[in-house]
Amino acid sequence: MHTVQLSLPSTLRLSRRPHPAASSRPATDTWVLPRGTLHRIARPLGCRIECIAGRAWITHDRDPRDTVLEAGESHTCDRPERVIVQALEALTLRVLPPAG
């Protein structure tokens, strides 16, 4: 896991295509995002974001820390503020609810 400072491009679209595995595990969302698109999580506290393929940039509102995930890495959200995930390249990610 790498921490970097990045800025968002001004024009990005959100693209969501559910992965077939998402239907068998309704508490988990799997997202496939083309390069440059965004995924937003409104109340992420305790959620785990897993990078299955590609690279993801993750930032929390009001938090100066940014995280870049490579395939096989994960990030557990330690803040309640909205999270924005940007696909730095074609990306497949899984969002798991808080444990417990």
PDB file of N, CA and C in Angstrom:
ATOM      1  N   MET A   1       0.852  -1.165   0.000  1.00  0.00           N
ATOM      2  CA  MET A   1       0.000   0.000   0.000  1.00  0.00           C
ATOM      3  C   MET A   1       0.898   1.228   0.000  1.00  0.00           C
ATOM      4  N   HIS A   2       0.525   2.213  -0.835  1.00  0.00           N
ATOM      5  CA  HIS A   2       1.316   3.426  -0.981  1.00  0.00           C
ATOM      6  C   HIS A   2       0.451   4.628  -0.651  1.00  0.00           C
ATOM      7  N   THR A   3       1.006   5.632  -0.009  1.00  0.00           N
ATOM      8  CA  THR A   3       0.286   6.869   0.266  1.00  0.00           C
ATOM      9  C   THR A   3       0.876   7.959  -0.612  1.00  0.00           C
ATOM     10  N   VAL A   4      -0.020   8.644  -1.365  1.00  0.00           N
ATOM     11  CA  VAL A   4       0.422   9.676  -2.301  1.00  0.00           C
ATOM     12  C   VAL A   4      -0.552  10.836  -2.291  1.00  0.00           C
ATOM     13  N   GLN A   5      -0.147  11.958  -2.872  1.00  0.00           N
ATOM     14  CA  GLN A   5      -1.024  13.108  -3.074  1.00  0.00           C
ATOM     15  C   GLN A   5      -1.413  13.127  -4.544  1.00  0.00           C
ATOM     16  N   LEU A   6      -2.716  13.082  -4.842  1.00  0.00           N
ATOM     17  CA  LEU A   6      -3.224  13.128  -6.205  1.00  0.00           C
ATOM     18  C   LEU A   6      -4.353  14.129  -6.282  1.00  0.00           C
ATOM     19  N   SER A   7      -4.625  14.648  -7.475  1.00  0.00           N
ATOM     20  CA  SER A   7      -5.783  15.518  -7.656  1.00  0.00           C
ATOM     21  C   SER A   7      -6.743  14.864  -8.631  1.00  0.00           C
ATOM     22  N   LEU A   8      -8.032  15.112  -8.432  1.00  0.00           N
ATOM     23  CA  LEU A   8      -9.065  14.527  -9.281  1.00  0.00           C
ATOM     24  C   LEU A   8      -9.189  15.276 -10.597  1.00  0.00           C
ATOM     25  N   PRO A   9      -9.327  14.552 -11.713  1.00  0.00           N
ATOM     26  CA  PRO A   9      -9.654  15.220 -12.965  1.00  0.00           C
ATOM     27  C   PRO A   9     -11.025  15.881 -12.853  1.00  0.00           C
ATOM     28  N   SER A  10     -11.259  16.946 -13.603  1.00  0.00           N
ATOM     29  CA  SER A  10     -12.502  17.706 -13.459  1.00  0.00           C
ATOM     30  C   SER A  10     -13.719  17.002 -14.026  1.00  0.00           C
ATOM     31  N   THR A  11     -13.559  16.117 -14.996  1.00  0.00           N
ATOM     32  CA  THR A  11     -14.725  15.451 -15.586  1.00  0.00           C
ATOM     33  C   THR A  11     -14.571  13.952 -15.470  1.00  0.00           C
ATOM     34  N   LEU A  12     -15.371  13.361 -14.606  1.00  0.00           N
ATOM     35  CA  LEU A  12     -15.362  11.918 -14.417  1.00  0.00           C
ATOM     36  C   LEU A  12     -16.789  11.417 -14.287  1.00  0.00           C
ATOM     37  N   ARG A  13     -17.034  10.188 -14.743  1.00  0.00           N
ATOM     38  CA  ARG A  13     -18.357   9.592 -14.619  1.00  0.00           C
ATOM     39  C   ARG A  13     -18.254   8.330 -13.777  1.00  0.00           C
ATOM     40  N   LEU A  14     -19.322   8.029 -13.059  1.00  0.00           N
ATOM     41  CA  LEU A  14     -19.401   6.808 -12.265  1.00  0.00           C
ATOM     42  C   LEU A  14     -19.988   5.714 -13.131  1.00  0.00           C
ATOM     43  N   SER A  15     -19.369   4.570 -13.147  1.00  0.00           N
ATOM     44  CA  SER A  15     -19.865   3.438 -13.919  1.00  0.00           C
ATOM     45  C   SER A  15     -19.957   2.243 -12.993  1.00  0.00           C
ATOM     46  N   ARG A  16     -21.128   1.642 -12.939  1.00  0.00           N
ATOM     47  CA  ARG A  16     -21.304   0.487 -12.064  1.00  0.00           C
ATOM     48  C   ARG A  16     -21.833  -0.672 -12.873  1.00  0.00           C
ATOM     49  N   ARG A  17     -21.116  -1.782 -12.818  1.00  0.00           N
ATOM     50  CA  ARG A  17     -21.580  -3.021 -13.413  1.00  0.00           C
ATOM     51  C   ARG A  17     -21.405  -4.089 -12.351  1.00  0.00           C
ATOM     52  N   PRO A  18     -22.498  -4.607 -11.789  1.00  0.00           N
ATOM     53  CA  PRO A  18     -22.346  -5.613 -10.742  1.00  0.00           C
ATOM     54  C   PRO A  18     -21.616  -6.849 -11.260  1.00  0.00           C
ATOM     55  N   HIS A  19     -20.738  -7.358 -10.477  1.00  0.00           N
ATOM     56  CA  HIS A  19     -20.021  -8.589 -10.771  1.00  0.00           C
ATOM     57  C   HIS A  19     -20.953  -9.747 -10.442  1.00  0.00           C
ATOM     58  N   PRO A  20     -20.929 -10.866 -11.194  1.00  0.00           N
ATOM     59  CA  PRO A  20     -21.832 -11.986 -10.900  1.00  0.00           C
ATOM     60  C   PRO A  20     -21.769 -12.462  -9.458  1.00  0.00           C
ATOM     61  N   ALA A  21     -20.602 -12.386  -8.812  1.00  0.00           N
ATOM     62  CA  ALA A  21     -20.479 -12.846  -7.423  1.00  0.00           C
ATOM     63  C   ALA A  21     -21.294 -11.984  -6.467  1.00  0.00           C
ATOM     64  N   ALA A  22     -21.606 -10.755  -6.851  1.00  0.00           N
ATOM     65  CA  ALA A  22     -22.333  -9.858  -5.956  1.00  0.00           C
ATOM     66  C   ALA A  22     -23.727 -10.371  -5.651  1.00  0.00           C
ATOM     67  N   SER A  23     -24.363 -11.054  -6.597  1.00  0.00           N
ATOM     68  CA  SER A  23     -25.724 -11.531  -6.362  1.00  0.00           C
ATOM     69  C   SER A  23     -25.759 -12.675  -5.354  1.00  0.00           C
ATOM     70  N   SER A  24     -24.685 -13.469  -5.256  1.00  0.00           N
ATOM     71  CA  SER A  24     -24.669 -14.574  -4.309  1.00  0.00           C
ATOM     72  C   SER A  24     -24.292 -14.121  -2.901  1.00  0.00           C
ATOM     73  N   ARG A  25     -23.747 -12.909  -2.765  1.00  0.00           N
ATOM     74  CA  ARG A  25     -23.388 -12.355  -1.459  1.00  0.00           C
ATOM     75  C   ARG A  25     -23.935 -10.936  -1.384  1.00  0.00           C
ATOM     76  N   PRO A  26     -25.227 -10.782  -1.050  1.00  0.00           N
ATOM     77  CA  PRO A  26     -25.852  -9.468  -1.130  1.00  0.00           C
ATOM     78  C   PRO A  26     -25.231  -8.404  -0.236  1.00  0.00           C
ATOM     79  N   ALA A  27     -24.522  -8.783   0.812  1.00  0.00           N
ATOM     80  CA  ALA A  27     -23.927  -7.787   1.705  1.00  0.00           C
ATOM     81  C   ALA A  27     -22.624  -7.220   1.130  1.00  0.00           C
ATOM     82  N   THR A  28     -22.169  -7.763   0.017  1.00  0.00           N
ATOM     83  CA  THR A  28     -20.918  -7.341  -0.597  1.00  0.00           C
ATOM     84  C   THR A  28     -21.198  -6.763  -1.973  1.00  0.00           C
ATOM     85  N   ASP A  29     -20.596  -5.618  -2.290  1.00  0.00           N
ATOM     86  CA  ASP A  29     -20.691  -5.033  -3.628  1.00  0.00           C
ATOM     87  C   ASP A  29     -19.380  -5.262  -4.348  1.00  0.00           C
ATOM     88  N   THR A  30     -19.463  -5.701  -5.603  1.00  0.00           N
ATOM     89  CA  THR A  30     -18.290  -5.798  -6.453  1.00  0.00           C
ATOM     90  C   THR A  30     -18.492  -4.835  -7.605  1.00  0.00           C
ATOM     91  N   TRP A  31     -17.483  -4.023  -7.861  1.00  0.00           N
ATOM     92  CA  TRP A  31     -17.572  -2.983  -8.882  1.00  0.00           C
ATOM     93  C   TRP A  31     -16.484  -3.193  -9.922  1.00  0.00           C
ATOM     94  N   VAL A  32     -16.846  -2.953 -11.184  1.00  0.00           N
ATOM     95  CA  VAL A  32     -15.893  -2.941 -12.283  1.00  0.00           C
ATOM     96  C   VAL A  32     -15.900  -1.522 -12.833  1.00  0.00           C
ATOM     97  N   LEU A  33     -14.766  -0.853 -12.747  1.00  0.00           N
ATOM     98  CA  LEU A  33     -14.679   0.552 -13.139  1.00  0.00           C
ATOM     99  C   LEU A  33     -13.646   0.741 -14.242  1.00  0.00           C
ATOM    100  N   PRO A  34     -14.024   1.386 -15.336  1.00  0.00           N
ATOM    101  CA  PRO A  34     -13.031   1.751 -16.344  1.00  0.00           C
ATOM    102  C   PRO A  34     -12.071   2.797 -15.773  1.00  0.00           C
ATOM    103  N   ARG A  35     -10.919   2.897 -16.369  1.00  0.00           N
ATOM    104  CA  ARG A  35      -9.912   3.863 -15.923  1.00  0.00           C
ATOM    105  C   ARG A  35     -10.506   5.273 -15.835  1.00  0.00           C
ATOM    106  N   GLY A  36     -10.217   5.971 -14.715  1.00  0.00           N
ATOM    107  CA  GLY A  36     -10.632   7.357 -14.536  1.00  0.00           C
ATOM    108  C   GLY A  36     -12.000   7.547 -13.917  1.00  0.00           C
ATOM    109  N   THR A  37     -12.765   6.481 -13.729  1.00  0.00           N
ATOM    110  CA  THR A  37     -14.095   6.641 -13.145  1.00  0.00           C
ATOM    111  C   THR A  37     -14.030   6.593 -11.625  1.00  0.00           C
ATOM    112  N   LEU A  38     -15.127   7.011 -10.995  1.00  0.00           N
ATOM    113  CA  LEU A  38     -15.201   7.114  -9.541  1.00  0.00           C
ATOM    114  C   LEU A  38     -16.273   6.210  -8.967  1.00  0.00           C
ATOM    115  N   HIS A  39     -16.050   5.811  -7.715  1.00  0.00           N
ATOM    116  CA  HIS A  39     -17.050   5.103  -6.912  1.00  0.00           C
ATOM    117  C   HIS A  39     -17.085   5.821  -5.572  1.00  0.00           C
ATOM    118  N   ARG A  40     -18.278   6.149  -5.106  1.00  0.00           N
ATOM    119  CA  ARG A  40     -18.425   6.857  -3.829  1.00  0.00           C
ATOM    120  C   ARG A  40     -19.110   5.949  -2.812  1.00  0.00           C
ATOM    121  N   ILE A  41     -18.645   6.003  -1.574  1.00  0.00           N
ATOM    122  CA  ILE A  41     -19.260   5.259  -0.472  1.00  0.00           C
ATOM    123  C   ILE A  41     -19.643   6.293   0.573  1.00  0.00           C
ATOM    124  N   ALA A  42     -20.949   6.416   0.845  1.00  0.00           N
ATOM    125  CA  ALA A  42     -21.455   7.503   1.688  1.00  0.00           C
ATOM    126  C   ALA A  42     -21.079   7.363   3.162  1.00  0.00           C
ATOM    127  N   ARG A  43     -21.267   6.220   3.761  1.00  0.00           N
ATOM    128  CA  ARG A  43     -20.991   6.021   5.188  1.00  0.00           C
ATOM    129  C   ARG A  43     -20.099   4.784   5.337  1.00  0.00           C
ATOM    130  N   PRO A  44     -18.801   4.953   5.152  1.00  0.00           N
ATOM    131  CA  PRO A  44     -17.911   3.803   5.021  1.00  0.00           C
ATOM    132  C   PRO A  44     -17.304   3.241   6.302  1.00  0.00           C
ATOM    133  N   LEU A  45     -17.542   3.867   7.455  1.00  0.00           N
ATOM    134  CA  LEU A  45     -16.835   3.464   8.673  1.00  0.00           C
ATOM    135  C   LEU A  45     -16.884   1.949   8.858  1.00  0.00           C
ATOM    136  N   GLY A  46     -15.721   1.323   8.922  1.00  0.00           N
ATOM    137  CA  GLY A  46     -15.605  -0.109   9.145  1.00  0.00           C
ATOM    138  C   GLY A  46     -15.660  -0.956   7.885  1.00  0.00           C
ATOM    139  N   CYS A  47     -16.037  -0.380   6.753  1.00  0.00           N
ATOM    140  CA  CYS A  47     -16.070  -1.138   5.499  1.00  0.00           C
ATOM    141  C   CYS A  47     -14.646  -1.463   5.053  1.00  0.00           C
ATOM    142  N   ARG A  48     -14.511  -2.572   4.344  1.00  0.00           N
ATOM    143  CA  ARG A  48     -13.212  -2.929   3.779  1.00  0.00           C
ATOM    144  C   ARG A  48     -13.310  -2.884   2.261  1.00  0.00           C
ATOM    145  N   ILE A  49     -12.373  -2.222   1.641  1.00  0.00           N
ATOM    146  CA  ILE A  49     -12.308  -2.115   0.185  1.00  0.00           C
ATOM    147  C   ILE A  49     -11.167  -3.010  -0.277  1.00  0.00           C
ATOM    148  N   GLU A  50     -11.483  -3.992  -1.118  1.00  0.00           N
ATOM    149  CA  GLU A  50     -10.477  -4.910  -1.637  1.00  0.00           C
ATOM    150  C   GLU A  50     -10.250  -4.630  -3.114  1.00  0.00           C
ATOM    151  N   CYS A  51      -9.014  -4.461  -3.502  1.00  0.00           N
ATOM    152  CA  CYS A  51      -8.646  -4.272  -4.905  1.00  0.00           C
ATOM    153  C   CYS A  51      -8.393  -5.660  -5.494  1.00  0.00           C
ATOM    154  N   ILE A  52      -9.283  -6.092  -6.374  1.00  0.00           N
ATOM    155  CA  ILE A  52      -9.168  -7.422  -6.969  1.00  0.00           C
ATOM    156  C   ILE A  52      -8.243  -7.380  -8.188  1.00  0.00           C
ATOM    157  N   ALA A  53      -8.403  -6.347  -9.012  1.00  0.00           N
ATOM    158  CA  ALA A  53      -7.565  -6.178 -10.204  1.00  0.00           C
ATOM    159  C   ALA A  53      -7.415  -4.693 -10.478  1.00  0.00           C
ATOM    160  N   GLY A  54      -6.276  -4.282 -10.991  1.00  0.00           N
ATOM    161  CA  GLY A  54      -6.049  -2.879 -11.319  1.00  0.00           C
ATOM    162  C   GLY A  54      -5.422  -2.114 -10.169  1.00  0.00           C
ATOM    163  N   ARG A  55      -5.603  -0.775 -10.199  1.00  0.00           N
ATOM    164  CA  ARG A  55      -5.087   0.111  -9.144  1.00  0.00           C
ATOM    165  C   ARG A  55      -6.165   1.111  -8.779  1.00  0.00           C
ATOM    166  N   ALA A  56      -6.290   1.378  -7.476  1.00  0.00           N
ATOM    167  CA  ALA A  56      -7.321   2.290  -6.973  1.00  0.00           C
ATOM    168  C   ALA A  56      -6.698   3.372  -6.107  1.00  0.00           C
ATOM    169  N   TRP A  57      -7.184   4.596  -6.280  1.00  0.00           N
ATOM    170  CA  TRP A  57      -6.829   5.711  -5.406  1.00  0.00           C
ATOM    171  C   TRP A  57      -8.015   5.924  -4.478  1.00  0.00           C
ATOM    172  N   ILE A  58      -7.765   5.980  -3.172  1.00  0.00           N
ATOM    173  CA  ILE A  58      -8.819   6.108  -2.165  1.00  0.00           C
ATOM    174  C   ILE A  58      -8.551   7.343  -1.325  1.00  0.00           C
ATOM    175  N   THR A  59      -9.599   8.152  -1.119  1.00  0.00           N
ATOM    176  CA  THR A  59      -9.490   9.314  -0.242  1.00  0.00           C
ATOM    177  C   THR A  59     -10.788   9.488   0.536  1.00  0.00           C
ATOM    178  N   HIS A  60     -10.669   9.869   1.809  1.00  0.00           N
ATOM    179  CA  HIS A  60     -11.818  10.201   2.655  1.00  0.00           C
ATOM    180  C   HIS A  60     -11.998  11.713   2.648  1.00  0.00           C
ATOM    181  N   ASP A  61     -13.249  12.171   2.639  1.00  0.00           N
ATOM    182  CA  ASP A  61     -13.501  13.602   2.821  1.00  0.00           C
ATOM    183  C   ASP A  61     -12.865  14.049   4.136  1.00  0.00           C
ATOM    184  N   ARG A  62     -12.317  15.250   4.156  1.00  0.00           N
ATOM    185  CA  ARG A  62     -11.722  15.869   5.341  1.00  0.00           C
ATOM    186  C   ARG A  62     -10.545  15.082   5.937  1.00  0.00           C
ATOM    187  N   ASP A  63      -9.854  14.309   5.109  1.00  0.00           N
ATOM    188  CA  ASP A  63      -8.701  13.542   5.580  1.00  0.00           C
ATOM    189  C   ASP A  63      -7.560  13.760   4.587  1.00  0.00           C
ATOM    190  N   PRO A  64      -6.410  14.269   5.038  1.00  0.00           N
ATOM    191  CA  PRO A  64      -5.315  14.543   4.107  1.00  0.00           C
ATOM    192  C   PRO A  64      -4.633  13.281   3.567  1.00  0.00           C
ATOM    193  N   ARG A  65      -4.917  12.138   4.186  1.00  0.00           N
ATOM    194  CA  ARG A  65      -4.279  10.899   3.730  1.00  0.00           C
ATOM    195  C   ARG A  65      -4.960  10.382   2.461  1.00  0.00           C
ATOM    196  N   ASP A  66      -4.168   9.962   1.507  1.00  0.00           N
ATOM    197  CA  ASP A  66      -4.649   9.286   0.311  1.00  0.00           C
ATOM    198  C   ASP A  66      -3.970   7.927   0.257  1.00  0.00           C
ATOM    199  N   THR A  67      -4.660   6.940  -0.295  1.00  0.00           N
ATOM    200  CA  THR A  67      -4.118   5.593  -0.367  1.00  0.00           C
ATOM    201  C   THR A  67      -4.252   5.076  -1.788  1.00  0.00           C
ATOM    202  N   VAL A  68      -3.223   4.404  -2.277  1.00  0.00           N
ATOM    203  CA  VAL A  68      -3.294   3.721  -3.563  1.00  0.00           C
ATOM    204  C   VAL A  68      -3.198   2.227  -3.293  1.00  0.00           C
ATOM    205  N   LEU A  69      -4.195   1.490  -3.789  1.00  0.00           N
ATOM    206  CA  LEU A  69      -4.200   0.035  -3.645  1.00  0.00           C
ATOM    207  C   LEU A  69      -3.831  -0.616  -4.963  1.00  0.00           C
ATOM    208  N   GLU A  70      -3.016  -1.644  -4.881  1.00  0.00           N
ATOM    209  CA  GLU A  70      -2.689  -2.503  -6.019  1.00  0.00           C
ATOM    210  C   GLU A  70      -3.540  -3.767  -5.886  1.00  0.00           C
ATOM    211  N   ALA A  71      -3.620  -4.545  -6.948  1.00  0.00           N
ATOM    212  CA  ALA A  71      -4.363  -5.811  -6.913  1.00  0.00           C
ATOM    213  C   ALA A  71      -3.880  -6.662  -5.738  1.00  0.00           C
ATOM    214  N   GLY A  72      -4.833  -7.199  -4.975  1.00  0.00           N
ATOM    215  CA  GLY A  72      -4.513  -8.041  -3.830  1.00  0.00           C
ATOM    216  C   GLY A  72      -4.417  -7.293  -2.510  1.00  0.00           C
ATOM    217  N   GLU A  73      -4.452  -5.963  -2.533  1.00  0.00           N
ATOM    218  CA  GLU A  73      -4.382  -5.169  -1.304  1.00  0.00           C
ATOM    219  C   GLU A  73      -5.779  -4.717  -0.891  1.00  0.00           C
ATOM    220  N   SER A  74      -5.915  -4.332   0.383  1.00  0.00           N
ATOM    221  CA  SER A  74      -7.210  -3.852   0.879  1.00  0.00           C
ATOM    222  C   SER A  74      -7.010  -2.652   1.797  1.00  0.00           C
ATOM    223  N   HIS A  75      -8.108  -1.946   2.032  1.00  0.00           N
ATOM    224  CA  HIS A  75      -8.117  -0.751   2.883  1.00  0.00           C
ATOM    225  C   HIS A  75      -9.359  -0.827   3.756  1.00  0.00           C
ATOM    226  N   THR A  76      -9.191  -0.696   5.076  1.00  0.00           N
ATOM    227  CA  THR A  76     -10.331  -0.643   5.985  1.00  0.00           C
ATOM    228  C   THR A  76     -10.590   0.812   6.334  1.00  0.00           C
ATOM    229  N   CYS A  77     -11.819   1.255   6.132  1.00  0.00           N
ATOM    230  CA  CYS A  77     -12.197   2.654   6.351  1.00  0.00           C
ATOM    231  C   CYS A  77     -12.296   2.932   7.842  1.00  0.00           C
ATOM    232  N   ASP A  78     -11.480   3.872   8.324  1.00  0.00           N
ATOM    233  CA  ASP A  78     -11.432   4.185   9.752  1.00  0.00           C
ATOM    234  C   ASP A  78     -12.108   5.511  10.077  1.00  0.00           C
ATOM    235  N   ARG A  79     -12.874   6.049   9.121  1.00  0.00           N
ATOM    236  CA  ARG A  79     -13.555   7.337   9.304  1.00  0.00           C
ATOM    237  C   ARG A  79     -14.973   7.228   8.759  1.00  0.00           C
ATOM    238  N   PRO A  80     -15.907   8.007   9.317  1.00  0.00           N
ATOM    239  CA  PRO A  80     -17.287   7.965   8.826  1.00  0.00           C
ATOM    240  C   PRO A  80     -17.529   8.816   7.578  1.00  0.00           C
ATOM    241  N   GLU A  81     -16.594   9.731   7.256  1.00  0.00           N
ATOM    242  CA  GLU A  81     -16.800  10.620   6.109  1.00  0.00           C
ATOM    243  C   GLU A  81     -16.761   9.833   4.801  1.00  0.00           C
ATOM    244  N   ARG A  82     -17.450  10.375   3.809  1.00  0.00           N
ATOM    245  CA  ARG A  82     -17.548   9.752   2.489  1.00  0.00           C
ATOM    246  C   ARG A  82     -16.167   9.395   1.945  1.00  0.00           C
ATOM    247  N   VAL A  83     -16.117   8.266   1.250  1.00  0.00           N
ATOM    248  CA  VAL A  83     -14.905   7.807   0.575  1.00  0.00           C
ATOM    249  C   VAL A  83     -15.116   7.935  -0.926  1.00  0.00           C
ATOM    250  N   ILE A  84     -14.071   8.368  -1.612  1.00  0.00           N
ATOM    251  CA  ILE A  84     -14.078   8.385  -3.070  1.00  0.00           C
ATOM    252  C   ILE A  84     -12.963   7.460  -3.534  1.00  0.00           C
ATOM    253  N   VAL A  85     -13.319   6.543  -4.440  1.00  0.00           N
ATOM    254  CA  VAL A  85     -12.352   5.627  -5.032  1.00  0.00           C
ATOM    255  C   VAL A  85     -12.263   5.963  -6.516  1.00  0.00           C
ATOM    256  N   GLN A  86     -11.059   6.202  -7.002  1.00  0.00           N
ATOM    257  CA  GLN A  86     -10.855   6.452  -8.428  1.00  0.00           C
ATOM    258  C   GLN A  86     -10.067   5.298  -9.025  1.00  0.00           C
ATOM    259  N   ALA A  87     -10.504   4.840 -10.197  1.00  0.00           N
ATOM    260  CA  ALA A  87      -9.788   3.801 -10.927  1.00  0.00           C
ATOM    261  C   ALA A  87      -8.602   4.438 -11.645  1.00  0.00           C
ATOM    262  N   LEU A  88      -7.394   4.145 -11.178  1.00  0.00           N
ATOM    263  CA  LEU A  88      -6.197   4.665 -11.836  1.00  0.00           C
ATOM    264  C   LEU A  88      -5.916   3.906 -13.127  1.00  0.00           C
ATOM    265  N   GLU A  89      -6.464   2.707 -13.218  1.00  0.00           N
ATOM    266  CA  GLU A  89      -6.483   1.895 -14.431  1.00  0.00           C
ATOM    267  C   GLU A  89      -7.732   1.030 -14.308  1.00  0.00           C
ATOM    268  N   ALA A  90      -8.066   0.264 -15.342  1.00  0.00           N
ATOM    269  CA  ALA A  90      -9.253  -0.593 -15.256  1.00  0.00           C
ATOM    270  C   ALA A  90      -9.216  -1.325 -13.913  1.00  0.00           C
ATOM    271  N   LEU A  91     -10.332  -1.303 -13.193  1.00  0.00           N
ATOM    272  CA  LEU A  91     -10.338  -1.709 -11.788  1.00  0.00           C
ATOM    273  C   LEU A  91     -11.518  -2.606 -11.468  1.00  0.00           C
ATOM    274  N   THR A  92     -11.251  -3.639 -10.703  1.00  0.00           N
ATOM    275  CA  THR A  92     -12.306  -4.433 -10.081  1.00  0.00           C
ATOM    276  C   THR A  92     -12.068  -4.354  -8.585  1.00  0.00           C
ATOM    277  N   LEU A  93     -13.097  -3.916  -7.853  1.00  0.00           N
ATOM    278  CA  LEU A  93     -12.953  -3.834  -6.402  1.00  0.00           C
ATOM    279  C   LEU A  93     -14.184  -4.396  -5.723  1.00  0.00           C
ATOM    280  N   ARG A  94     -13.978  -4.824  -4.501  1.00  0.00           N
ATOM    281  CA  ARG A  94     -15.053  -5.383  -3.684  1.00  0.00           C
ATOM    282  C   ARG A  94     -15.150  -4.536  -2.425  1.00  0.00           C
ATOM    283  N   VAL A  95     -16.381  -4.195  -2.037  1.00  0.00           N
ATOM    284  CA  VAL A  95     -16.627  -3.432  -0.819  1.00  0.00           C
ATOM    285  C   VAL A  95     -17.381  -4.338   0.144  1.00  0.00           C
ATOM    286  N   LEU A  96     -16.753  -4.633   1.281  1.00  0.00           N
ATOM    287  CA  LEU A  96     -17.357  -5.494   2.289  1.00  0.00           C
ATOM    288  C   LEU A  96     -17.854  -4.648   3.452  1.00  0.00           C
ATOM    289  N   PRO A  97     -18.999  -5.008   4.025  1.00  0.00           N
ATOM    290  CA  PRO A  97     -19.548  -4.245   5.148  1.00  0.00           C
ATOM    291  C   PRO A  97     -18.675  -4.411   6.389  1.00  0.00           C
ATOM    292  N   PRO A  98     -18.902  -3.571   7.390  1.00  0.00           N
ATOM    293  CA  PRO A  98     -18.138  -3.704   8.636  1.00  0.00           C
ATOM    294  C   PRO A  98     -18.282  -5.103   9.225  1.00  0.00           C
ATOM    295  N   ALA A  99     -17.203  -5.631   9.757  1.00  0.00           N
ATOM    296  CA  ALA A  99     -17.234  -6.955  10.388  1.00  0.00           C
ATOM    297  C   ALA A  99     -18.057  -6.890  11.663  1.00  0.00           C
ATOM    298  N   GLY A 100     -18.724  -7.991  11.936  1.00  0.00           N
ATOM    299  CA  GLY A 100     -19.448  -8.040  13.202  1.00  0.00           C
ATOM    300  C   GLY A 100     -20.844  -8.125  13.016  1.00  0.00           C
TER     301      GLY A 100
END
